[in-house]
C-alpha atoms as a PDB file:
ATOM      1  CA  MET A   1     113.041 106.359 135.814  1.00  0.00           C
ATOM      2  CA  TRP A   2     109.795 104.389 135.888  1.00  0.00           C
ATOM      3  CA  SER A   3     106.553 105.250 137.596  1.00  0.00           C
ATOM      4  CA  THR A   4     103.627 103.356 139.019  1.00  0.00           C
ATOM      5  CA  LYS A   5     101.344 106.406 138.956  1.00  0.00           C
ATOM      6  CA  SER A   6      99.563 105.653 135.686  1.00  0.00           C
ATOM      7  CA  GLN A   7     100.135 104.481 132.147  1.00  0.00           C
ATOM      8  CA  LEU A   8      99.724 108.040 130.915  1.00  0.00           C
ATOM      9  CA  HIS A   9     102.412 109.244 133.314  1.00  0.00           C
ATOM     10  CA  ASP A  10     104.708 106.415 132.169  1.00  0.00           C
ATOM     11  CA  MET A  11     104.075 107.419 128.540  1.00  0.00           C
ATOM     12  CA  TYR A  12     105.001 110.990 129.430  1.00  0.00           C
ATOM     13  CA  LEU A  13     108.248 109.862 131.063  1.00  0.00           C
ATOM     14  CA  MET A  14     109.124 107.722 128.033  1.00  0.00           C
ATOM     15  CA  SER A  15     108.455 110.668 125.716  1.00  0.00           C
ATOM     16  CA  LEU A  16     111.092 112.728 127.549  1.00  0.00           C
ATOM     17  CA  ALA A  17     113.849 110.419 126.290  1.00  0.00           C
ATOM     18  CA  THR A  18     115.774 111.434 123.189  1.00  0.00           C
ATOM     19  CA  HIS A  19     116.778 107.888 122.279  1.00  0.00           C
ATOM     20  CA  HIS A  20     114.480 104.879 122.016  1.00  0.00           C
ATOM     21  CA  ILE A  21     114.763 101.190 121.271  1.00  0.00           C
ATOM     22  CA  ILE A  22     111.211 100.028 120.922  1.00  0.00           C
ATOM     23  CA  ALA A  23     109.531  96.652 120.929  1.00  0.00           C
ATOM     24  CA  ASN A  24     106.736  95.455 118.685  1.00  0.00           C
ATOM     25  CA  SER A  25     104.145  97.362 120.681  1.00  0.00           C
ATOM     26  CA  LYS A  26     101.918 100.337 120.065  1.00  0.00           C
ATOM     27  CA  TYR A  27     102.707 101.700 123.516  1.00  0.00           C
ATOM     28  CA  SER A  28     106.446 102.057 122.929  1.00  0.00           C
ATOM     29  CA  TRP A  29     105.851 103.251 119.347  1.00  0.00           C
ATOM     30  CA  TRP A  30     103.620 106.095 120.548  1.00  0.00           C
ATOM     31  CA  ALA A  31     106.108 107.128 123.222  1.00  0.00           C
ATOM     32  CA  ALA A  32     108.834 107.371 120.558  1.00  0.00           C
ATOM     33  CA  TRP A  33     106.527 109.098 118.044  1.00  0.00           C
ATOM     34  CA  ILE A  34     105.637 111.854 120.544  1.00  0.00           C
ATOM     35  CA  VAL A  35     109.295 112.959 120.687  1.00  0.00           C
ATOM     36  CA  LYS A  36     109.850 115.814 118.248  1.00  0.00           C
ATOM     37  CA  THR A  37     113.586 116.511 118.295  1.00  0.00           C
ATOM     38  CA  GLU A  38     116.068 116.641 115.444  1.00  0.00           C
ATOM     39  CA  THR A  39     118.595 114.604 117.422  1.00  0.00           C
ATOM     40  CA  GLN A  40     116.303 111.693 118.278  1.00  0.00           C
ATOM     41  CA  GLN A  41     117.841 108.259 117.839  1.00  0.00           C
ATOM     42  CA  MET A  42     115.194 105.577 117.370  1.00  0.00           C
ATOM     43  CA  LYS A  43     115.660 101.881 116.669  1.00  0.00           C
ATOM     44  CA  MET A  44     112.819  99.498 115.889  1.00  0.00           C
ATOM     45  CA  PRO A  45     112.447  95.959 114.483  1.00  0.00           C
ATOM     46  CA  ASP A  46     111.972  95.759 110.716  1.00  0.00           C
ATOM     47  CA  ARG A  47     108.818  93.712 111.141  1.00  0.00           C
ATOM     48  CA  GLY A  48     106.170  93.110 113.730  1.00  0.00           C
ATOM     49  CA  ILE A  49     103.957  90.246 114.669  1.00  0.00           C
ATOM     50  CA  THR A  50     100.237  90.903 114.875  1.00  0.00           C
ATOM     51  CA  TYR A  51      97.856  88.044 115.552  1.00  0.00           C
ATOM     52  CA  ASN A  52     100.479  85.521 114.387  1.00  0.00           C
ATOM     53  CA  THR A  53     100.963  87.443 111.132  1.00  0.00           C
ATOM     54  CA  ILE A  54     104.317  88.993 110.287  1.00  0.00           C
ATOM     55  CA  VAL A  55     103.851  92.551 109.035  1.00  0.00           C
ATOM     56  CA  PRO A  56     106.412  95.031 107.695  1.00  0.00           C
ATOM     57  CA  THR A  57     106.960  98.125 109.810  1.00  0.00           C
ATOM     58  CA  SER A  58     108.170 100.444 107.043  1.00  0.00           C
ATOM     59  CA  GLU A  59     104.888 102.385 107.005  1.00  0.00           C
ATOM     60  CA  LYS A  60     105.109 102.908 110.776  1.00  0.00           C
ATOM     61  CA  LYS A  61     108.543 104.517 110.908  1.00  0.00           C
ATOM     62  CA  LEU A  62     109.480 108.138 110.556  1.00  0.00           C
ATOM     63  CA  PRO A  63     112.230 109.024 108.050  1.00  0.00           C
ATOM     64  CA  HIS A  64     114.957 109.485 110.689  1.00  0.00           C
ATOM     65  CA  TRP A  65     114.172 106.205 112.503  1.00  0.00           C
ATOM     66  CA  THR A  66     116.357 103.155 111.936  1.00  0.00           C
ATOM     67  CA  THR A  67     115.143  99.584 111.611  1.00  0.00           C
ATOM     68  CA  ILE A  68     117.021  96.605 113.003  1.00  0.00           C
ATOM     69  CA  PRO A  69     116.807  93.357 111.005  1.00  0.00           C
ATOM     70  CA  THR A  70     114.931  90.611 112.811  1.00  0.00           C
ATOM     71  CA  LEU A  71     115.920  86.990 112.655  1.00  0.00           C
ATOM     72  CA  PRO A  72     114.423  84.924 109.831  1.00  0.00           C
ATOM     73  CA  ASP A  73     111.737  82.379 110.685  1.00  0.00           C
END
C-alpha cells in the first residue's frame, strides 16, 4: 500500500511492515528503525554511497538486522 497524502504518512505506512529491504537512503532506514518488533526481518546493503564516497553501514544497523554484500567496484 502506498499513499500520496504526505511523506510522513508514507513513513508511517512503511513502519507498519515487519520485514524491510532498504536502499541506501535515510528515508527507508528510518522507516525500518521505527519498527520495534522481535520478529522483524531487515536486509540492508553492507555499504552506502554518500557524496561519491563508499562508507560502511555497520554502525547504522541494529544487532538483528542483516547486511547483504554489495558488488565490488
